[in-house]
Amino acid sequence: MLYLVLLLVLAAFGLLVTALVSGVTAWAWGSVVASVAAALLLFADWFLRRRRALAADPDPAADGEVGRPDAGEHTGAAGAAREKVVTGHEDDEDAGDATAKVASPAEPSTGPGASTGAPGEEDTDAADLLIVAALESEVRVVDEHPRYHLAECTWLTGSATLRLPVREARELGFTPCGRCGPDRSLAAAHRADRAR
């Protein structure tokens, strides 16, 4: 069905170019009709996929992923990882007690390998953000993770880190760690240095 949509979009583009070159409005209207038909086919395809997914799993909200057509499908590596987190055990013979492998809320998992213990983003004050955006103070980042941290952040325990100036980390799209609060700490240190 998507190939038909692509064909209709290309036809609409061809009709539009023809209308612009020739000045005949009928070609432009043909372009509009082809575009609307492509949009209707896309909507019909989405609706049919969603209905099939709901028929396969009538309660997609149980997974916490409302609105995704594949919410009930736990296939592939991502599905296996999700099942592993939920059940807390692996499929090997020495899995042991499943409850012992699940991290307790009082002792959150640390390090980049712990998907459930990943820190949230620090809620940075606007004044601190203005200060931090220009600082050259060093922060730590972990490859493939969106947060930057202070060197003493507990989440970094046992992980390979890269050192970057906080200004550069911000420019690269990293956000501050909610656990160690680098923006608040670096801005406070900068203010203390300026006060001296």
N, C-alpha and C. Protein backbone atom coordinates (compact mmCIF):
# COMPACT_ATOMS: atom_id res chain seq x y z
N MET A 1 0.83 -1.19 0.00
CA MET A 1 0.00 0.00 0.00
C MET A 1 0.88 1.26 0.00
N LEU A 2 2.02 1.19 0.67
CA LEU A 2 2.90 2.35 0.71
C LEU A 2 3.48 2.67 -0.66
N TYR A 3 3.67 1.64 -1.50
CA TYR A 3 4.16 1.90 -2.85
C TYR A 3 3.12 2.68 -3.65
N LEU A 4 1.86 2.36 -3.43
CA LEU A 4 0.79 3.08 -4.11
C LEU A 4 0.75 4.55 -3.65
N VAL A 5 0.97 4.78 -2.36
CA VAL A 5 1.03 6.14 -1.84
C VAL A 5 2.19 6.89 -2.47
N LEU A 6 3.34 6.25 -2.56
CA LEU A 6 4.50 6.87 -3.19
C LEU A 6 4.21 7.21 -4.65
N LEU A 7 3.56 6.31 -5.35
CA LEU A 7 3.20 6.56 -6.75
C LEU A 7 2.25 7.75 -6.86
N LEU A 8 1.28 7.83 -5.98
CA LEU A 8 0.34 8.96 -6.00
C LEU A 8 1.03 10.29 -5.70
N VAL A 9 1.97 10.28 -4.76
CA VAL A 9 2.70 11.50 -4.44
C VAL A 9 3.55 11.94 -5.62
N LEU A 10 4.21 10.99 -6.27
CA LEU A 10 5.00 11.34 -7.46
C LEU A 10 4.10 11.86 -8.58
N ALA A 11 2.94 11.25 -8.75
CA ALA A 11 1.99 11.72 -9.76
C ALA A 11 1.51 13.13 -9.43
N ALA A 12 1.24 13.38 -8.16
CA ALA A 12 0.79 14.71 -7.74
C ALA A 12 1.88 15.74 -8.02
N PHE A 13 3.12 15.38 -7.76
CA PHE A 13 4.23 16.29 -8.04
C PHE A 13 4.35 16.56 -9.54
N GLY A 14 4.23 15.50 -10.35
CA GLY A 14 4.28 15.67 -11.81
C GLY A 14 3.16 16.55 -12.32
N LEU A 15 1.96 16.35 -11.79
CA LEU A 15 0.81 17.17 -12.20
C LEU A 15 1.00 18.63 -11.78
N LEU A 16 1.60 18.85 -10.61
CA LEU A 16 1.84 20.21 -10.16
C LEU A 16 2.85 20.92 -11.06
N VAL A 17 3.92 20.23 -11.40
CA VAL A 17 4.92 20.82 -12.30
C VAL A 17 4.28 21.12 -13.65
N THR A 18 3.48 20.20 -14.17
CA THR A 18 2.78 20.42 -15.44
C THR A 18 1.87 21.64 -15.34
N ALA A 19 1.16 21.78 -14.23
CA ALA A 19 0.26 22.92 -14.05
C ALA A 19 1.04 24.23 -14.01
N LEU A 20 2.18 24.23 -13.35
CA LEU A 20 2.99 25.45 -13.27
C LEU A 20 3.58 25.82 -14.63
N VAL A 21 4.01 24.82 -15.38
CA VAL A 21 4.63 25.09 -16.69
C VAL A 21 3.57 25.51 -17.71
N SER A 22 2.43 24.82 -17.73
CA SER A 22 1.42 25.10 -18.77
C SER A 22 0.45 26.20 -18.38
N GLY A 23 0.26 26.42 -17.11
CA GLY A 23 -0.69 27.43 -16.67
C GLY A 23 -2.13 26.96 -16.68
N VAL A 24 -2.37 25.67 -16.85
CA VAL A 24 -3.71 25.11 -16.88
C VAL A 24 -4.07 24.66 -15.46
N THR A 25 -5.17 25.20 -14.93
CA THR A 25 -5.55 24.90 -13.55
C THR A 25 -6.07 23.48 -13.37
N ALA A 26 -6.52 22.85 -14.43
CA ALA A 26 -7.02 21.47 -14.32
C ALA A 26 -5.90 20.54 -13.84
N TRP A 27 -4.68 20.77 -14.29
CA TRP A 27 -3.55 19.96 -13.85
C TRP A 27 -3.31 20.17 -12.34
N ALA A 28 -3.46 21.39 -11.87
CA ALA A 28 -3.28 21.67 -10.44
C ALA A 28 -4.34 20.96 -9.62
N TRP A 29 -5.58 20.96 -10.10
CA TRP A 29 -6.63 20.26 -9.39
C TRP A 29 -6.38 18.75 -9.38
N GLY A 30 -5.84 18.23 -10.47
CA GLY A 30 -5.47 16.82 -10.51
C GLY A 30 -4.40 16.50 -9.48
N SER A 31 -3.47 17.43 -9.27
CA SER A 31 -2.43 17.28 -8.26
C SER A 31 -3.04 17.24 -6.87
N VAL A 32 -4.00 18.10 -6.62
CA VAL A 32 -4.68 18.14 -5.32
C VAL A 32 -5.42 16.83 -5.08
N VAL A 33 -6.12 16.33 -6.09
CA VAL A 33 -6.87 15.07 -5.95
C VAL A 33 -5.92 13.91 -5.67
N ALA A 34 -4.78 13.85 -6.36
CA ALA A 34 -3.81 12.78 -6.13
C ALA A 34 -3.22 12.87 -4.73
N SER A 35 -2.96 14.08 -4.23
CA SER A 35 -2.42 14.26 -2.88
C SER A 35 -3.43 13.82 -1.82
N VAL A 36 -4.69 14.18 -2.01
CA VAL A 36 -5.73 13.79 -1.06
C VAL A 36 -5.90 12.26 -1.06
N ALA A 37 -5.84 11.66 -2.23
CA ALA A 37 -5.95 10.20 -2.32
C ALA A 37 -4.78 9.53 -1.59
N ALA A 38 -3.59 10.07 -1.71
CA ALA A 38 -2.43 9.52 -1.01
C ALA A 38 -2.61 9.65 0.51
N ALA A 39 -3.13 10.79 0.96
CA ALA A 39 -3.36 10.98 2.39
C ALA A 39 -4.41 10.00 2.91
N LEU A 40 -5.47 9.79 2.15
CA LEU A 40 -6.51 8.84 2.57
C LEU A 40 -5.97 7.42 2.63
N LEU A 41 -5.11 7.04 1.68
CA LEU A 41 -4.51 5.71 1.72
C LEU A 41 -3.59 5.54 2.93
N LEU A 42 -2.84 6.57 3.26
CA LEU A 42 -1.98 6.51 4.44
C LEU A 42 -2.82 6.33 5.71
N PHE A 43 -3.90 7.07 5.81
CA PHE A 43 -4.78 6.96 6.97
C PHE A 43 -5.40 5.57 7.05
N ALA A 44 -5.84 5.04 5.90
CA ALA A 44 -6.45 3.71 5.88
C ALA A 44 -5.42 2.65 6.31
N ASP A 45 -4.18 2.79 5.83
CA ASP A 45 -3.13 1.85 6.21
C ASP A 45 -2.87 1.90 7.71
N TRP A 46 -2.78 3.11 8.28
CA TRP A 46 -2.57 3.26 9.72
C TRP A 46 -3.71 2.63 10.51
N PHE A 47 -4.95 2.89 10.06
CA PHE A 47 -6.12 2.37 10.76
C PHE A 47 -6.15 0.85 10.74
N LEU A 48 -5.85 0.24 9.58
CA LEU A 48 -5.85 -1.22 9.48
C LEU A 48 -4.76 -1.84 10.33
N ARG A 49 -3.57 -1.23 10.36
CA ARG A 49 -2.48 -1.75 11.20
C ARG A 49 -2.85 -1.65 12.68
N ARG A 50 -3.45 -0.56 13.06
CA ARG A 50 -3.83 -0.37 14.46
C ARG A 50 -4.89 -1.38 14.87
N ARG A 51 -5.86 -1.60 13.98
CA ARG A 51 -6.92 -2.55 14.30
C ARG A 51 -6.36 -3.98 14.42
N ARG A 52 -5.40 -4.34 13.54
CA ARG A 52 -4.76 -5.65 13.64
C ARG A 52 -3.98 -5.79 14.95
N ALA A 53 -3.29 -4.72 15.34
CA ALA A 53 -2.51 -4.77 16.59
C ALA A 53 -3.43 -4.87 17.80
N LEU A 54 -4.55 -4.17 17.78
CA LEU A 54 -5.50 -4.26 18.89
C LEU A 54 -6.17 -5.62 18.95
N ALA A 55 -6.37 -6.24 17.80
CA ALA A 55 -6.96 -7.58 17.79
C ALA A 55 -5.98 -8.59 18.37
N ALA A 56 -4.68 -8.38 18.12
CA ALA A 56 -3.67 -9.29 18.65
C ALA A 56 -3.47 -9.09 20.14
N ASP A 57 -3.56 -7.85 20.62
CA ASP A 57 -3.38 -7.54 22.04
C ASP A 57 -4.44 -6.52 22.43
N PRO A 58 -5.57 -6.96 22.97
CA PRO A 58 -6.68 -6.05 23.26
C PRO A 58 -6.38 -5.02 24.35
N ASP A 59 -5.30 -5.20 25.13
CA ASP A 59 -4.99 -4.25 26.19
C ASP A 59 -3.55 -3.73 26.05
N PRO A 60 -3.27 -2.84 25.06
CA PRO A 60 -1.91 -2.35 24.88
C PRO A 60 -1.47 -1.46 26.03
N ALA A 61 -2.40 -0.93 26.82
CA ALA A 61 -2.03 -0.05 27.93
C ALA A 61 -1.33 -0.83 29.04
N ALA A 62 -1.46 -2.14 29.04
CA ALA A 62 -0.79 -2.94 30.06
C ALA A 62 0.72 -2.87 29.92
N ASP A 63 1.20 -2.61 28.72
CA ASP A 63 2.63 -2.47 28.49
C ASP A 63 3.11 -1.06 28.74
N GLY A 64 2.20 -0.12 28.94
CA GLY A 64 2.59 1.27 29.14
C GLY A 64 2.94 1.97 27.84
N GLU A 65 2.52 1.42 26.72
CA GLU A 65 2.87 1.99 25.43
C GLU A 65 1.60 2.22 24.62
N VAL A 66 0.76 3.10 25.06
CA VAL A 66 -0.50 3.35 24.40
C VAL A 66 -0.26 4.06 23.08
N GLY A 67 -0.97 3.63 22.04
CA GLY A 67 -0.92 4.32 20.77
C GLY A 67 0.06 3.72 19.77
N ARG A 68 0.94 2.82 20.19
CA ARG A 68 1.86 2.20 19.25
C ARG A 68 1.20 0.97 18.66
N PRO A 69 1.27 0.79 17.33
CA PRO A 69 0.64 -0.37 16.72
C PRO A 69 1.27 -1.69 17.18
N ASP A 70 2.54 -1.70 17.57
CA ASP A 70 3.20 -2.92 17.97
C ASP A 70 3.31 -3.05 19.48
N ALA A 71 2.41 -2.40 20.22
CA ALA A 71 2.52 -2.35 21.68
C ALA A 71 2.46 -3.72 22.32
N GLY A 72 1.75 -4.66 21.74
CA GLY A 72 1.63 -5.96 22.35
C GLY A 72 2.67 -6.96 21.88
N GLU A 73 3.49 -6.60 20.92
CA GLU A 73 4.45 -7.53 20.36
C GLU A 73 5.76 -7.43 21.11
N HIS A 74 6.21 -8.53 21.69
CA HIS A 74 7.49 -8.57 22.40
C HIS A 74 8.42 -9.52 21.67
N THR A 75 8.76 -9.17 20.42
CA THR A 75 9.66 -10.00 19.65
C THR A 75 10.94 -9.25 19.43
N GLY A 76 12.00 -9.98 19.14
CA GLY A 76 13.29 -9.36 18.87
C GLY A 76 14.05 -9.04 20.14
N ALA A 77 15.20 -8.38 19.97
CA ALA A 77 16.09 -8.09 21.10
C ALA A 77 15.46 -7.12 22.09
N ALA A 78 14.76 -6.10 21.58
CA ALA A 78 14.14 -5.13 22.49
C ALA A 78 13.05 -5.79 23.33
N GLY A 79 12.26 -6.65 22.70
CA GLY A 79 11.21 -7.34 23.44
C GLY A 79 11.79 -8.29 24.48
N ALA A 80 12.87 -8.97 24.11
CA ALA A 80 13.51 -9.89 25.06
C ALA A 80 14.09 -9.12 26.24
N ALA A 81 14.70 -7.98 25.95
CA ALA A 81 15.25 -7.16 27.03
C ALA A 81 14.14 -6.66 27.94
N ARG A 82 13.00 -6.27 27.34
CA ARG A 82 11.88 -5.80 28.13
C ARG A 82 11.35 -6.91 29.02
N GLU A 83 11.22 -8.12 28.46
CA GLU A 83 10.76 -9.25 29.25
C GLU A 83 11.75 -9.57 30.37
N LYS A 84 13.04 -9.44 30.10
CA LYS A 84 14.06 -9.72 31.10
C LYS A 84 13.94 -8.75 32.27
N VAL A 85 13.68 -7.47 31.97
CA VAL A 85 13.54 -6.48 33.03
C VAL A 85 12.29 -6.77 33.85
N VAL A 86 11.20 -7.14 33.17
CA VAL A 86 9.95 -7.39 33.88
C VAL A 86 10.04 -8.63 34.75
N THR A 87 10.60 -9.72 34.19
CA THR A 87 10.63 -10.96 34.94
C THR A 87 11.81 -11.05 35.88
N GLY A 88 12.92 -10.38 35.52
CA GLY A 88 14.08 -10.36 36.38
C GLY A 88 14.96 -11.58 36.26
N HIS A 89 14.80 -12.40 35.22
CA HIS A 89 15.69 -13.54 35.06
C HIS A 89 16.06 -13.74 33.60
N GLU A 90 17.15 -14.50 33.41
CA GLU A 90 17.62 -14.81 32.08
C GLU A 90 17.18 -16.21 31.73
N ASP A 91 17.39 -16.60 30.47
CA ASP A 91 16.98 -17.92 30.02
C ASP A 91 18.11 -18.95 30.10
N ASP A 92 19.01 -18.83 31.05
CA ASP A 92 20.06 -19.82 31.20
C ASP A 92 19.77 -20.70 32.42
N GLU A 93 20.53 -21.80 32.54
CA GLU A 93 20.26 -22.75 33.60
C GLU A 93 20.57 -22.20 34.98
N ASP A 94 21.56 -21.32 35.10
CA ASP A 94 21.94 -20.82 36.42
C ASP A 94 21.29 -19.47 36.73
N ALA A 95 20.02 -19.30 36.30
CA ALA A 95 19.34 -18.03 36.54
C ALA A 95 19.13 -17.79 38.02
N GLY A 96 18.95 -18.85 38.79
CA GLY A 96 18.81 -18.69 40.25
C GLY A 96 17.49 -18.06 40.62
N ASP A 97 17.47 -17.43 41.76
CA ASP A 97 16.27 -16.80 42.27
C ASP A 97 16.00 -15.52 41.50
N ALA A 98 14.87 -15.42 40.82
CA ALA A 98 14.55 -14.27 39.99
C ALA A 98 14.42 -13.00 40.81
N THR A 99 13.94 -13.11 42.01
CA THR A 99 13.74 -11.90 42.81
C THR A 99 15.05 -11.30 43.27
N ALA A 100 16.11 -12.09 43.34
CA ALA A 100 17.40 -11.57 43.79
C ALA A 100 18.04 -10.70 42.74
N LYS A 101 17.64 -10.87 41.46
CA LYS A 101 18.25 -10.10 40.38
C LYS A 101 17.56 -8.77 40.13
N VAL A 102 16.42 -8.54 40.70
CA VAL A 102 15.71 -7.29 40.50
C VAL A 102 16.20 -6.27 41.52
N ALA A 103 16.57 -5.08 41.04
CA ALA A 103 17.07 -4.05 41.95
C ALA A 103 15.94 -3.53 42.82
N SER A 104 16.23 -3.36 44.08
CA SER A 104 15.21 -2.81 44.97
C SER A 104 15.19 -1.30 44.85
N PRO A 105 14.06 -0.65 45.11
CA PRO A 105 13.99 0.80 44.98
C PRO A 105 14.94 1.52 45.93
N ALA A 106 15.26 0.91 47.06
CA ALA A 106 16.15 1.57 48.01
C ALA A 106 17.58 1.58 47.51
N GLU A 107 17.95 0.59 46.68
CA GLU A 107 19.30 0.51 46.15
C GLU A 107 19.22 0.53 44.63
N PRO A 108 19.13 1.72 44.01
CA PRO A 108 18.99 1.78 42.56
C PRO A 108 20.24 1.27 41.88
N SER A 109 20.05 0.71 40.69
CA SER A 109 21.18 0.23 39.92
C SER A 109 22.04 1.40 39.50
N THR A 110 23.32 1.18 39.37
CA THR A 110 24.22 2.23 38.94
C THR A 110 24.91 1.81 37.67
N GLY A 111 25.44 2.79 36.97
CA GLY A 111 26.20 2.53 35.76
C GLY A 111 25.32 2.53 34.54
N PRO A 112 25.96 2.67 33.37
CA PRO A 112 25.20 2.78 32.14
C PRO A 112 24.52 1.50 31.72
N GLY A 113 24.89 0.38 32.27
CA GLY A 113 24.26 -0.87 31.90
C GLY A 113 22.91 -1.06 32.55
N ALA A 114 22.58 -0.28 33.53
CA ALA A 114 21.31 -0.42 34.25
C ALA A 114 20.27 0.47 33.62
N SER A 115 19.36 -0.15 32.85
CA SER A 115 18.38 0.65 32.13
C SER A 115 17.36 1.29 33.06
N THR A 116 17.06 0.64 34.18
CA THR A 116 16.05 1.19 35.08
C THR A 116 16.63 2.23 36.01
N GLY A 117 17.96 2.26 36.20
CA GLY A 117 18.58 3.19 37.13
C GLY A 117 19.13 4.43 36.45
N ALA A 118 18.83 4.65 35.19
CA ALA A 118 19.34 5.81 34.48
C ALA A 118 18.79 7.08 35.11
N PRO A 119 19.65 8.07 35.35
CA PRO A 119 19.18 9.29 36.01
C PRO A 119 18.35 10.15 35.07
N GLY A 120 17.44 10.89 35.67
CA GLY A 120 16.65 11.82 34.90
C GLY A 120 17.42 13.10 34.64
N GLU A 121 16.76 14.05 34.00
CA GLU A 121 17.40 15.32 33.69
C GLU A 121 17.22 16.30 34.84
N GLU A 122 18.28 17.04 35.15
CA GLU A 122 18.23 18.06 36.19
C GLU A 122 17.35 19.21 35.72
N ASP A 123 16.51 19.71 36.60
CA ASP A 123 15.69 20.87 36.31
C ASP A 123 16.56 22.11 36.57
N THR A 124 17.12 22.67 35.50
CA THR A 124 18.08 23.76 35.62
C THR A 124 17.40 25.11 35.66
N ASP A 125 17.80 25.93 36.62
CA ASP A 125 17.33 27.31 36.71
C ASP A 125 17.87 28.09 35.52
N ALA A 126 17.10 29.06 35.01
CA ALA A 126 17.51 29.84 33.84
C ALA A 126 18.81 30.61 34.10
N ALA A 127 18.97 31.14 35.30
CA ALA A 127 20.19 31.89 35.62
C ALA A 127 21.40 30.96 35.62
N ASP A 128 21.23 29.74 36.16
CA ASP A 128 22.32 28.76 36.14
C ASP A 128 22.65 28.34 34.72
N LEU A 129 21.63 28.21 33.89
CA LEU A 129 21.84 27.81 32.51
C LEU A 129 22.67 28.83 31.75
N LEU A 130 22.40 30.11 31.98
CA LEU A 130 23.19 31.16 31.32
C LEU A 130 24.65 31.11 31.74
N ILE A 131 24.90 30.81 33.00
CA ILE A 131 26.28 30.72 33.49
C ILE A 131 26.97 29.49 32.90
N VAL A 132 26.30 28.35 32.98
CA VAL A 132 26.89 27.09 32.55
C VAL A 132 27.18 27.06 31.05
N ALA A 133 26.35 27.72 30.27
CA ALA A 133 26.52 27.70 28.81
C ALA A 133 27.85 28.28 28.36
N ALA A 134 28.47 29.10 29.19
CA ALA A 134 29.74 29.72 28.81
C ALA A 134 30.94 29.14 29.56
N LEU A 135 30.71 28.20 30.48
CA LEU A 135 31.81 27.67 31.30
C LEU A 135 32.66 26.65 30.55
N GLU A 136 33.91 26.58 30.94
CA GLU A 136 34.84 25.58 30.41
C GLU A 136 35.11 24.48 31.44
N SER A 137 34.36 24.46 32.53
CA SER A 137 34.55 23.44 33.56
C SER A 137 34.31 22.06 32.97
N GLU A 138 35.05 21.07 33.48
CA GLU A 138 35.00 19.73 32.93
C GLU A 138 33.86 18.92 33.53
N VAL A 139 33.14 18.22 32.65
CA VAL A 139 32.10 17.27 33.06
C VAL A 139 32.41 15.94 32.40
N ARG A 140 31.68 14.92 32.79
CA ARG A 140 31.90 13.57 32.25
C ARG A 140 30.65 13.14 31.49
N VAL A 141 30.87 12.47 30.38
CA VAL A 141 29.77 11.90 29.60
C VAL A 141 30.10 10.43 29.32
N VAL A 142 29.06 9.65 29.13
CA VAL A 142 29.19 8.24 28.78
C VAL A 142 28.63 8.10 27.37
N ASP A 143 29.40 7.44 26.50
CA ASP A 143 28.98 7.26 25.12
C ASP A 143 27.61 6.59 25.06
N GLU A 144 26.75 7.10 24.19
CA GLU A 144 25.41 6.58 23.97
C GLU A 144 24.43 6.85 25.12
N HIS A 145 24.76 7.79 26.00
CA HIS A 145 23.84 8.18 27.09
C HIS A 145 23.69 9.69 27.05
N PRO A 146 22.49 10.23 27.26
CA PRO A 146 22.22 11.64 27.00
C PRO A 146 22.62 12.63 28.10
N ARG A 147 23.12 12.17 29.23
CA ARG A 147 23.39 13.08 30.35
C ARG A 147 24.88 13.37 30.51
N TYR A 148 25.18 14.57 31.05
CA TYR A 148 26.55 14.83 31.49
C TYR A 148 26.54 14.91 33.01
N HIS A 149 27.68 14.57 33.62
CA HIS A 149 27.77 14.37 35.06
C HIS A 149 28.99 15.05 35.64
N LEU A 150 28.97 15.26 36.94
CA LEU A 150 30.16 15.65 37.67
C LEU A 150 31.03 14.40 37.84
N ALA A 151 32.33 14.59 38.07
CA ALA A 151 33.24 13.45 38.19
C ALA A 151 32.85 12.53 39.34
N GLU A 152 32.25 13.08 40.39
CA GLU A 152 31.91 12.26 41.56
C GLU A 152 30.51 11.66 41.52
N CYS A 153 29.82 11.73 40.39
CA CYS A 153 28.46 11.18 40.28
C CYS A 153 28.47 9.67 40.50
N THR A 154 27.58 9.19 41.33
CA THR A 154 27.53 7.76 41.66
C THR A 154 27.07 6.92 40.47
N TRP A 155 26.37 7.51 39.52
CA TRP A 155 25.89 6.76 38.36
C TRP A 155 27.05 6.34 37.46
N LEU A 156 28.17 7.05 37.53
CA LEU A 156 29.31 6.76 36.66
C LEU A 156 30.18 5.61 37.16
N THR A 157 29.89 5.06 38.31
CA THR A 157 30.71 4.01 38.91
C THR A 157 30.91 2.86 37.93
N GLY A 158 32.18 2.57 37.62
CA GLY A 158 32.51 1.44 36.77
C GLY A 158 32.27 1.65 35.29
N SER A 159 32.10 2.87 34.83
CA SER A 159 31.85 3.09 33.41
C SER A 159 32.97 3.93 32.80
N ALA A 160 33.21 3.72 31.53
CA ALA A 160 34.22 4.50 30.80
C ALA A 160 33.60 5.85 30.45
N THR A 161 34.26 6.93 30.85
CA THR A 161 33.71 8.26 30.61
C THR A 161 34.63 9.06 29.70
N LEU A 162 34.04 10.06 29.09
CA LEU A 162 34.78 11.03 28.28
C LEU A 162 34.70 12.37 29.00
N ARG A 163 35.80 13.11 28.98
CA ARG A 163 35.83 14.43 29.62
C ARG A 163 35.56 15.49 28.56
N LEU A 164 34.65 16.38 28.89
CA LEU A 164 34.30 17.48 27.98
C LEU A 164 34.07 18.75 28.79
N PRO A 165 34.35 19.91 28.21
CA PRO A 165 33.91 21.15 28.85
C PRO A 165 32.37 21.18 28.85
N VAL A 166 31.78 21.70 29.90
CA VAL A 166 30.32 21.69 30.01
C VAL A 166 29.68 22.46 28.85
N ARG A 167 30.35 23.52 28.40
CA ARG A 167 29.83 24.28 27.26
C ARG A 167 29.71 23.38 26.03
N GLU A 168 30.75 22.59 25.77
CA GLU A 168 30.76 21.69 24.62
C GLU A 168 29.74 20.57 24.78
N ALA A 169 29.62 20.04 25.99
CA ALA A 169 28.63 18.99 26.24
C ALA A 169 27.23 19.50 25.93
N ARG A 170 26.94 20.72 26.33
CA ARG A 170 25.63 21.32 26.03
C ARG A 170 25.43 21.49 24.53
N GLU A 171 26.50 21.96 23.86
CA GLU A 171 26.41 22.17 22.40
C GLU A 171 26.17 20.86 21.67
N LEU A 172 26.70 19.76 22.19
CA LEU A 172 26.54 18.46 21.56
C LEU A 172 25.19 17.81 21.89
N GLY A 173 24.39 18.47 22.73
CA GLY A 173 23.05 17.98 23.01
C GLY A 173 22.91 17.19 24.29
N PHE A 174 23.97 17.09 25.09
CA PHE A 174 23.87 16.41 26.37
C PHE A 174 23.07 17.28 27.34
N THR A 175 22.39 16.65 28.27
CA THR A 175 21.60 17.36 29.28
C THR A 175 22.14 17.00 30.66
N PRO A 176 21.89 17.85 31.68
CA PRO A 176 22.47 17.59 33.00
C PRO A 176 21.80 16.43 33.74
N CYS A 177 22.61 15.71 34.48
CA CYS A 177 22.15 14.56 35.28
C CYS A 177 21.31 15.05 36.46
N GLY A 178 20.20 14.39 36.69
CA GLY A 178 19.35 14.75 37.81
C GLY A 178 19.88 14.24 39.15
N ARG A 179 20.81 13.29 39.12
CA ARG A 179 21.34 12.72 40.35
C ARG A 179 22.44 13.60 40.95
N CYS A 180 23.42 14.02 40.14
CA CYS A 180 24.54 14.80 40.70
C CYS A 180 24.35 16.31 40.53
N GLY A 181 23.40 16.75 39.71
CA GLY A 181 23.09 18.17 39.54
C GLY A 181 24.28 19.02 39.10
N PRO A 182 24.89 18.74 37.94
CA PRO A 182 26.09 19.48 37.55
C PRO A 182 25.84 20.96 37.28
N ASP A 183 24.72 21.32 36.71
CA ASP A 183 24.48 22.74 36.42
C ASP A 183 24.41 23.57 37.70
N ARG A 184 23.67 23.07 38.67
CA ARG A 184 23.53 23.79 39.94
C ARG A 184 24.89 23.91 40.64
N SER A 185 25.65 22.80 40.66
CA SER A 185 26.96 22.80 41.34
C SER A 185 27.97 23.69 40.64
N LEU A 186 28.04 23.60 39.31
CA LEU A 186 29.02 24.40 38.57
C LEU A 186 28.68 25.89 38.62
N ALA A 187 27.39 26.22 38.55
CA ALA A 187 26.99 27.63 38.65
C ALA A 187 27.30 28.19 40.03
N ALA A 188 27.06 27.39 41.07
CA ALA A 188 27.36 27.84 42.44
C ALA A 188 28.87 28.03 42.62
N ALA A 189 29.67 27.12 42.07
CA ALA A 189 31.13 27.26 42.17
C ALA A 189 31.61 28.49 41.41
N HIS A 190 31.01 28.76 40.27
CA HIS A 190 31.39 29.95 39.48
C HIS A 190 31.03 31.23 40.24
N ARG A 191 29.87 31.25 40.84
CA ARG A 191 29.47 32.44 41.62
C ARG A 191 30.40 32.64 42.81
N ALA A 192 30.79 31.56 43.47
CA ALA A 192 31.71 31.65 44.61
C ALA A 192 33.08 32.17 44.16
N ASP A 193 33.55 31.72 43.00
CA ASP A 193 34.84 32.23 42.48
C ASP A 193 34.77 33.71 42.14
N ARG A 194 33.67 34.14 41.58
CA ARG A 194 33.51 35.57 41.23
C ARG A 194 33.39 36.45 42.46
N ALA A 195 32.86 35.89 43.55
CA ALA A 195 32.68 36.66 44.79
C ALA A 195 34.01 36.93 45.48
N ARG A 196 35.02 36.15 45.20
CA ARG A 196 36.34 36.32 45.84
C ARG A 196 37.10 37.48 45.30
